[in-house]
Amino acid sequence: MVILTCDHGGFYDMEKLMKYFDKYKIEYKYMGPKEFNKEDDYPDFTIPACKEVLKNEDNVGIFMCGSGIGVNMVANRFKGIRAVCAYDPVVAFFARKDEDANVLTLGSRMTSFRSMIKIIKMFLTSEFEGGRHARRIAKY
């Protein structure tokens, strides 16, 4: 399951992403916010979304804010969350392949929606290589 959340900075791109997922029948759970509020705070949505990702090892998250950095910093405070803030598909690929990233964070003010879709496709279709990478991840 793909767990989705955002703050005001990512709200409109998240609405577009959910329509895209609906069109291509990609299963997701949206954790809010329900409406645009320029005063909302990304931790209020990121924290519950991280807890939802951690409920099942097959879950992954896609979180958005203006830069992608705020939601990334909150997500990486959780043991078991390996979040990457990716601005291109190559970063998303290596984050999955080498680091077994389970959360992708995106910046709506930094990345076009068209580019986001390319990054998301790469993130969702790449697999963890394991081996020496698993040994490294086990150390933290």
N, C-alpha and C. Protein backbone atom coordinates (compact mmCIF):
# COMPACT_ATOMS: atom_id res chain seq x y z
N MET A 1 0.84 -1.17 0.00
CA MET A 1 0.00 0.00 0.00
C MET A 1 0.89 1.24 0.00
N VAL A 2 0.48 2.24 -0.74
CA VAL A 2 1.20 3.51 -0.77
C VAL A 2 0.48 4.47 0.17
N ILE A 3 1.19 4.98 1.14
CA ILE A 3 0.64 5.92 2.11
C ILE A 3 1.00 7.32 1.64
N LEU A 4 -0.01 8.16 1.50
CA LEU A 4 0.19 9.51 0.98
C LEU A 4 -0.14 10.56 2.04
N THR A 5 0.63 11.62 2.08
CA THR A 5 0.31 12.78 2.89
C THR A 5 1.05 14.00 2.37
N CYS A 6 0.64 15.15 2.87
CA CYS A 6 1.26 16.41 2.44
C CYS A 6 0.89 17.49 3.45
N ASP A 7 1.40 18.66 3.21
CA ASP A 7 0.94 19.86 3.90
C ASP A 7 0.42 20.81 2.83
N HIS A 8 0.20 22.05 3.19
CA HIS A 8 -0.33 23.02 2.23
C HIS A 8 0.58 23.18 1.01
N GLY A 9 1.88 23.06 1.22
CA GLY A 9 2.82 23.23 0.13
C GLY A 9 2.71 22.16 -0.95
N GLY A 10 2.23 21.00 -0.59
CA GLY A 10 2.08 19.91 -1.55
C GLY A 10 0.65 19.54 -1.85
N PHE A 11 -0.29 20.30 -1.28
CA PHE A 11 -1.71 19.91 -1.35
C PHE A 11 -2.22 19.72 -2.78
N TYR A 12 -1.99 20.67 -3.64
CA TYR A 12 -2.56 20.60 -4.99
C TYR A 12 -1.90 19.53 -5.85
N ASP A 13 -0.59 19.34 -5.69
CA ASP A 13 0.05 18.24 -6.40
C ASP A 13 -0.42 16.89 -5.85
N MET A 14 -0.68 16.81 -4.56
CA MET A 14 -1.18 15.56 -3.99
C MET A 14 -2.56 15.23 -4.55
N GLU A 15 -3.40 16.24 -4.71
CA GLU A 15 -4.71 16.00 -5.34
C GLU A 15 -4.54 15.42 -6.74
N LYS A 16 -3.60 15.97 -7.50
CA LYS A 16 -3.34 15.46 -8.86
C LYS A 16 -2.79 14.03 -8.80
N LEU A 17 -1.92 13.77 -7.82
CA LEU A 17 -1.35 12.43 -7.71
C LEU A 17 -2.42 11.39 -7.39
N MET A 18 -3.35 11.73 -6.52
CA MET A 18 -4.42 10.78 -6.20
C MET A 18 -5.29 10.49 -7.43
N LYS A 19 -5.55 11.48 -8.24
CA LYS A 19 -6.29 11.26 -9.49
C LYS A 19 -5.49 10.35 -10.42
N TYR A 20 -4.20 10.58 -10.49
CA TYR A 20 -3.32 9.73 -11.31
C TYR A 20 -3.36 8.28 -10.80
N PHE A 21 -3.23 8.10 -9.49
CA PHE A 21 -3.28 6.75 -8.90
C PHE A 21 -4.63 6.11 -9.16
N ASP A 22 -5.70 6.87 -9.03
CA ASP A 22 -7.04 6.33 -9.32
C ASP A 22 -7.12 5.85 -10.77
N LYS A 23 -6.62 6.65 -11.68
CA LYS A 23 -6.66 6.32 -13.11
C LYS A 23 -5.92 5.02 -13.40
N TYR A 24 -4.78 4.83 -12.76
CA TYR A 24 -3.96 3.64 -13.01
C TYR A 24 -4.14 2.55 -11.95
N LYS A 25 -5.17 2.70 -11.14
CA LYS A 25 -5.55 1.70 -10.14
C LYS A 25 -4.40 1.32 -9.20
N ILE A 26 -3.69 2.34 -8.74
CA ILE A 26 -2.63 2.15 -7.75
C ILE A 26 -3.27 2.35 -6.38
N GLU A 27 -3.16 1.34 -5.54
CA GLU A 27 -3.80 1.37 -4.22
C GLU A 27 -3.04 2.32 -3.29
N TYR A 28 -3.79 3.16 -2.59
CA TYR A 28 -3.18 4.12 -1.67
C TYR A 28 -4.12 4.40 -0.52
N LYS A 29 -3.53 4.98 0.51
CA LYS A 29 -4.29 5.50 1.65
C LYS A 29 -3.82 6.92 1.88
N TYR A 30 -4.75 7.85 1.83
CA TYR A 30 -4.42 9.26 2.02
C TYR A 30 -4.64 9.64 3.46
N MET A 31 -3.63 10.24 4.07
CA MET A 31 -3.65 10.57 5.50
C MET A 31 -3.96 12.05 5.76
N GLY A 32 -4.32 12.80 4.72
CA GLY A 32 -4.67 14.19 4.93
C GLY A 32 -3.54 15.12 4.53
N PRO A 33 -3.88 16.40 4.53
CA PRO A 33 -5.08 17.08 5.03
C PRO A 33 -6.27 16.96 4.06
N LYS A 34 -7.43 17.19 4.60
CA LYS A 34 -8.67 17.09 3.83
C LYS A 34 -8.93 18.33 2.98
N GLU A 35 -8.40 19.46 3.40
CA GLU A 35 -8.60 20.71 2.66
C GLU A 35 -7.35 21.57 2.77
N PHE A 36 -7.21 22.49 1.84
CA PHE A 36 -6.07 23.40 1.84
C PHE A 36 -6.17 24.38 3.01
N ASN A 37 -5.09 24.49 3.76
CA ASN A 37 -5.00 25.45 4.86
C ASN A 37 -3.55 25.92 4.91
N LYS A 38 -3.31 27.16 4.50
CA LYS A 38 -1.93 27.66 4.42
C LYS A 38 -1.23 27.71 5.77
N GLU A 39 -1.95 27.53 6.86
CA GLU A 39 -1.37 27.57 8.20
C GLU A 39 -1.07 26.18 8.76
N ASP A 40 -1.33 25.11 8.00
CA ASP A 40 -1.10 23.79 8.58
C ASP A 40 0.40 23.52 8.74
N ASP A 41 0.71 22.52 9.54
CA ASP A 41 2.10 22.18 9.85
C ASP A 41 2.38 20.74 9.43
N TYR A 42 3.42 20.53 8.63
CA TYR A 42 3.70 19.21 8.07
C TYR A 42 3.88 18.10 9.11
N PRO A 43 4.41 18.35 10.32
CA PRO A 43 4.52 17.23 11.27
C PRO A 43 3.16 16.63 11.64
N ASP A 44 2.11 17.46 11.63
CA ASP A 44 0.78 16.97 12.01
C ASP A 44 0.28 15.88 11.06
N PHE A 45 0.77 15.85 9.84
CA PHE A 45 0.36 14.85 8.86
C PHE A 45 1.44 13.79 8.65
N THR A 46 2.69 14.20 8.76
CA THR A 46 3.80 13.27 8.51
C THR A 46 3.89 12.21 9.61
N ILE A 47 3.70 12.60 10.85
CA ILE A 47 3.83 11.64 11.96
C ILE A 47 2.82 10.50 11.83
N PRO A 48 1.52 10.77 11.65
CA PRO A 48 0.58 9.65 11.48
C PRO A 48 0.87 8.83 10.21
N ALA A 49 1.33 9.49 9.15
CA ALA A 49 1.64 8.76 7.92
C ALA A 49 2.81 7.81 8.14
N CYS A 50 3.82 8.23 8.88
CA CYS A 50 4.94 7.34 9.19
C CYS A 50 4.49 6.13 9.98
N LYS A 51 3.63 6.35 10.95
CA LYS A 51 3.11 5.23 11.74
C LYS A 51 2.35 4.26 10.85
N GLU A 52 1.64 4.78 9.86
CA GLU A 52 0.90 3.93 8.92
C GLU A 52 1.86 3.14 8.03
N VAL A 53 2.92 3.77 7.55
CA VAL A 53 3.92 3.06 6.74
C VAL A 53 4.49 1.90 7.54
N LEU A 54 4.77 2.12 8.80
CA LEU A 54 5.42 1.11 9.64
C LEU A 54 4.50 -0.05 10.02
N LYS A 55 3.23 0.03 9.76
CA LYS A 55 2.29 -1.05 10.09
C LYS A 55 2.51 -2.31 9.25
N ASN A 56 3.11 -2.15 8.07
CA ASN A 56 3.29 -3.30 7.18
C ASN A 56 4.57 -3.08 6.40
N GLU A 57 5.44 -4.06 6.38
CA GLU A 57 6.73 -3.89 5.71
C GLU A 57 6.60 -3.71 4.19
N ASP A 58 5.45 -4.02 3.62
CA ASP A 58 5.23 -3.80 2.19
C ASP A 58 4.75 -2.38 1.89
N ASN A 59 4.40 -1.62 2.92
CA ASN A 59 3.96 -0.24 2.72
C ASN A 59 5.13 0.65 2.31
N VAL A 60 4.82 1.64 1.51
CA VAL A 60 5.76 2.72 1.21
C VAL A 60 5.00 4.03 1.33
N GLY A 61 5.71 5.12 1.49
CA GLY A 61 5.07 6.41 1.62
C GLY A 61 5.54 7.38 0.55
N ILE A 62 4.64 8.27 0.18
CA ILE A 62 4.98 9.42 -0.66
C ILE A 62 4.43 10.64 0.06
N PHE A 63 5.33 11.50 0.51
CA PHE A 63 4.98 12.67 1.30
C PHE A 63 5.44 13.92 0.56
N MET A 64 4.61 14.96 0.59
CA MET A 64 4.95 16.21 -0.10
C MET A 64 4.83 17.41 0.82
N CYS A 65 5.71 18.36 0.59
CA CYS A 65 5.59 19.70 1.16
C CYS A 65 6.19 20.65 0.13
N GLY A 66 6.43 21.87 0.48
CA GLY A 66 6.96 22.83 -0.49
C GLY A 66 8.32 22.43 -1.04
N SER A 67 9.22 22.01 -0.17
CA SER A 67 10.57 21.65 -0.59
C SER A 67 10.82 20.14 -0.57
N GLY A 68 10.01 19.40 0.18
CA GLY A 68 10.27 17.98 0.40
C GLY A 68 11.18 17.74 1.58
N ILE A 69 11.81 18.78 2.06
CA ILE A 69 12.80 18.64 3.13
C ILE A 69 12.15 18.50 4.50
N GLY A 70 11.15 19.31 4.79
CA GLY A 70 10.51 19.25 6.11
C GLY A 70 9.90 17.89 6.39
N VAL A 71 9.11 17.37 5.45
CA VAL A 71 8.50 16.05 5.66
C VAL A 71 9.57 14.97 5.74
N ASN A 72 10.68 15.15 5.01
CA ASN A 72 11.78 14.20 5.05
C ASN A 72 12.43 14.16 6.43
N MET A 73 12.65 15.34 6.99
CA MET A 73 13.31 15.39 8.31
C MET A 73 12.45 14.75 9.38
N VAL A 74 11.16 15.00 9.34
CA VAL A 74 10.26 14.38 10.31
C VAL A 74 10.24 12.86 10.12
N ALA A 75 10.09 12.42 8.88
CA ALA A 75 10.00 10.98 8.60
C ALA A 75 11.24 10.24 9.09
N ASN A 76 12.40 10.80 8.87
CA ASN A 76 13.63 10.09 9.23
C ASN A 76 13.89 10.04 10.73
N ARG A 77 13.04 10.64 11.52
CA ARG A 77 13.15 10.51 12.98
C ARG A 77 12.58 9.17 13.47
N PHE A 78 11.85 8.47 12.62
CA PHE A 78 11.20 7.22 13.00
C PHE A 78 12.10 6.03 12.69
N LYS A 79 12.35 5.19 13.69
CA LYS A 79 13.10 3.96 13.47
C LYS A 79 12.31 3.10 12.49
N GLY A 80 12.97 2.68 11.44
CA GLY A 80 12.32 1.86 10.42
C GLY A 80 11.90 2.63 9.19
N ILE A 81 11.91 3.95 9.29
CA ILE A 81 11.63 4.78 8.11
C ILE A 81 12.97 5.17 7.49
N ARG A 82 13.07 4.97 6.20
CA ARG A 82 14.24 5.38 5.44
C ARG A 82 13.72 6.26 4.31
N ALA A 83 13.68 7.55 4.58
CA ALA A 83 13.08 8.50 3.64
C ALA A 83 14.15 9.16 2.79
N VAL A 84 13.80 9.38 1.52
CA VAL A 84 14.68 10.07 0.60
C VAL A 84 13.92 11.23 -0.01
N CYS A 85 14.57 12.37 -0.07
CA CYS A 85 14.03 13.54 -0.76
C CYS A 85 14.66 13.52 -2.14
N ALA A 86 13.88 13.15 -3.15
CA ALA A 86 14.43 12.95 -4.50
C ALA A 86 13.93 14.03 -5.45
N TYR A 87 14.85 14.59 -6.20
CA TYR A 87 14.52 15.58 -7.21
C TYR A 87 14.72 15.05 -8.63
N ASP A 88 15.14 13.77 -8.73
CA ASP A 88 15.20 13.15 -10.05
C ASP A 88 15.08 11.63 -9.90
N PRO A 89 14.73 10.93 -10.98
CA PRO A 89 14.51 9.49 -10.90
C PRO A 89 15.74 8.68 -10.51
N VAL A 90 16.93 9.15 -10.87
CA VAL A 90 18.14 8.40 -10.53
C VAL A 90 18.33 8.31 -9.02
N VAL A 91 18.06 9.40 -8.32
CA VAL A 91 18.15 9.40 -6.86
C VAL A 91 17.13 8.42 -6.29
N ALA A 92 15.92 8.44 -6.81
CA ALA A 92 14.88 7.52 -6.34
C ALA A 92 15.30 6.07 -6.57
N PHE A 93 15.88 5.78 -7.72
CA PHE A 93 16.33 4.43 -8.04
C PHE A 93 17.37 3.94 -7.03
N PHE A 94 18.41 4.73 -6.81
CA PHE A 94 19.46 4.29 -5.90
C PHE A 94 19.01 4.27 -4.44
N ALA A 95 18.10 5.14 -4.09
CA ALA A 95 17.57 5.11 -2.73
C ALA A 95 16.84 3.79 -2.46
N ARG A 96 16.12 3.29 -3.45
CA ARG A 96 15.44 2.00 -3.31
C ARG A 96 16.44 0.84 -3.41
N LYS A 97 17.29 0.86 -4.44
CA LYS A 97 18.21 -0.24 -4.72
C LYS A 97 19.24 -0.44 -3.61
N ASP A 98 19.85 0.64 -3.18
CA ASP A 98 20.95 0.54 -2.22
C ASP A 98 20.53 0.77 -0.77
N GLU A 99 19.55 1.62 -0.55
CA GLU A 99 19.21 2.00 0.82
C GLU A 99 17.87 1.46 1.29
N ASP A 100 17.15 0.76 0.42
CA ASP A 100 15.82 0.22 0.74
C ASP A 100 14.89 1.31 1.28
N ALA A 101 14.94 2.48 0.65
CA ALA A 101 14.08 3.59 1.07
C ALA A 101 12.61 3.15 1.01
N ASN A 102 11.87 3.52 2.04
CA ASN A 102 10.45 3.17 2.06
C ASN A 102 9.55 4.41 2.08
N VAL A 103 10.13 5.57 2.05
CA VAL A 103 9.37 6.81 1.93
C VAL A 103 10.09 7.72 0.95
N LEU A 104 9.31 8.25 0.01
CA LEU A 104 9.78 9.23 -0.95
C LEU A 104 9.18 10.57 -0.58
N THR A 105 10.01 11.58 -0.44
CA THR A 105 9.50 12.92 -0.18
C THR A 105 9.79 13.80 -1.40
N LEU A 106 8.82 14.66 -1.69
CA LEU A 106 8.88 15.49 -2.88
C LEU A 106 8.56 16.93 -2.53
N GLY A 107 9.18 17.85 -3.26
CA GLY A 107 8.95 19.27 -3.06
C GLY A 107 8.14 19.86 -4.20
N SER A 108 6.92 20.25 -3.91
CA SER A 108 6.05 20.81 -4.94
C SER A 108 6.57 22.11 -5.52
N ARG A 109 7.31 22.86 -4.74
CA ARG A 109 7.86 24.12 -5.24
C ARG A 109 9.18 23.92 -5.99
N MET A 110 9.72 22.72 -5.93
CA MET A 110 11.02 22.43 -6.51
C MET A 110 10.94 21.57 -7.77
N THR A 111 9.84 20.85 -7.93
CA THR A 111 9.74 19.83 -8.96
C THR A 111 8.39 19.94 -9.66
N SER A 112 8.40 19.90 -10.97
CA SER A 112 7.14 19.92 -11.72
C SER A 112 6.38 18.62 -11.48
N PHE A 113 5.08 18.66 -11.66
CA PHE A 113 4.28 17.45 -11.47
C PHE A 113 4.72 16.37 -12.46
N ARG A 114 5.01 16.76 -13.68
CA ARG A 114 5.46 15.80 -14.68
C ARG A 114 6.74 15.08 -14.22
N SER A 115 7.67 15.84 -13.65
CA SER A 115 8.90 15.23 -13.11
C SER A 115 8.60 14.36 -11.90
N MET A 116 7.67 14.80 -11.07
CA MET A 116 7.29 13.99 -9.91
C MET A 116 6.81 12.61 -10.34
N ILE A 117 6.01 12.55 -11.39
CA ILE A 117 5.50 11.25 -11.85
C ILE A 117 6.65 10.34 -12.27
N LYS A 118 7.64 10.87 -12.94
CA LYS A 118 8.81 10.07 -13.33
C LYS A 118 9.55 9.55 -12.10
N ILE A 119 9.72 10.42 -11.12
CA ILE A 119 10.40 10.03 -9.88
C ILE A 119 9.59 8.96 -9.15
N ILE A 120 8.29 9.16 -9.05
CA ILE A 120 7.41 8.22 -8.35
C ILE A 120 7.41 6.86 -9.05
N LYS A 121 7.33 6.85 -10.37
CA LYS A 121 7.37 5.58 -11.11
C LYS A 121 8.66 4.83 -10.81
N MET A 122 9.77 5.53 -10.82
CA MET A 122 11.05 4.89 -10.53
C MET A 122 11.07 4.35 -9.10
N PHE A 123 10.59 5.14 -8.16
CA PHE A 123 10.56 4.73 -6.76
C PHE A 123 9.71 3.47 -6.58
N LEU A 124 8.54 3.45 -7.19
CA LEU A 124 7.60 2.33 -6.99
C LEU A 124 8.00 1.06 -7.74
N THR A 125 8.84 1.17 -8.76
CA THR A 125 9.18 -0.01 -9.55
C THR A 125 10.59 -0.53 -9.29
N SER A 126 11.38 0.17 -8.51
CA SER A 126 12.74 -0.28 -8.20
C SER A 126 12.72 -1.17 -6.97
N GLU A 127 13.66 -2.10 -6.93
CA GLU A 127 13.72 -3.05 -5.82
C GLU A 127 15.06 -2.98 -5.10
N PHE A 128 15.01 -3.34 -3.83
CA PHE A 128 16.20 -3.37 -2.98
C PHE A 128 17.11 -4.52 -3.42
N GLU A 129 18.39 -4.22 -3.56
CA GLU A 129 19.36 -5.22 -3.99
C GLU A 129 19.77 -6.16 -2.86
N GLY A 130 19.74 -5.70 -1.62
CA GLY A 130 20.15 -6.53 -0.50
C GLY A 130 21.65 -6.63 -0.41
N GLY A 131 22.14 -7.82 -0.01
CA GLY A 131 23.58 -8.06 0.08
C GLY A 131 24.27 -7.11 1.04
N ARG A 132 25.36 -6.52 0.56
CA ARG A 132 26.14 -5.62 1.43
C ARG A 132 25.30 -4.44 1.90
N HIS A 133 24.30 -4.05 1.11
CA HIS A 133 23.44 -2.93 1.50
C HIS A 133 22.59 -3.31 2.73
N ALA A 134 22.10 -4.53 2.77
CA ALA A 134 21.31 -4.99 3.91
C ALA A 134 22.16 -4.98 5.17
N ARG A 135 23.41 -5.41 5.04
CA ARG A 135 24.33 -5.41 6.19
C ARG A 135 24.49 -4.00 6.75
N ARG A 136 24.62 -3.04 5.86
CA ARG A 136 24.79 -1.65 6.29
C ARG A 136 23.55 -1.11 6.96
N ILE A 137 22.40 -1.38 6.39
CA ILE A 137 21.14 -0.90 6.96
C ILE A 137 20.91 -1.50 8.34
N ALA A 138 21.29 -2.75 8.51
CA ALA A 138 21.12 -3.42 9.81
C ALA A 138 21.90 -2.73 10.93
N LYS A 139 22.88 -1.93 10.58
CA LYS A 139 23.69 -1.26 11.59
C LYS A 139 23.01 -0.04 12.18
N TYR A 140 21.89 0.37 11.60
CA TYR A 140 21.17 1.48 12.19
C TYR A 140 19.73 1.15 12.31
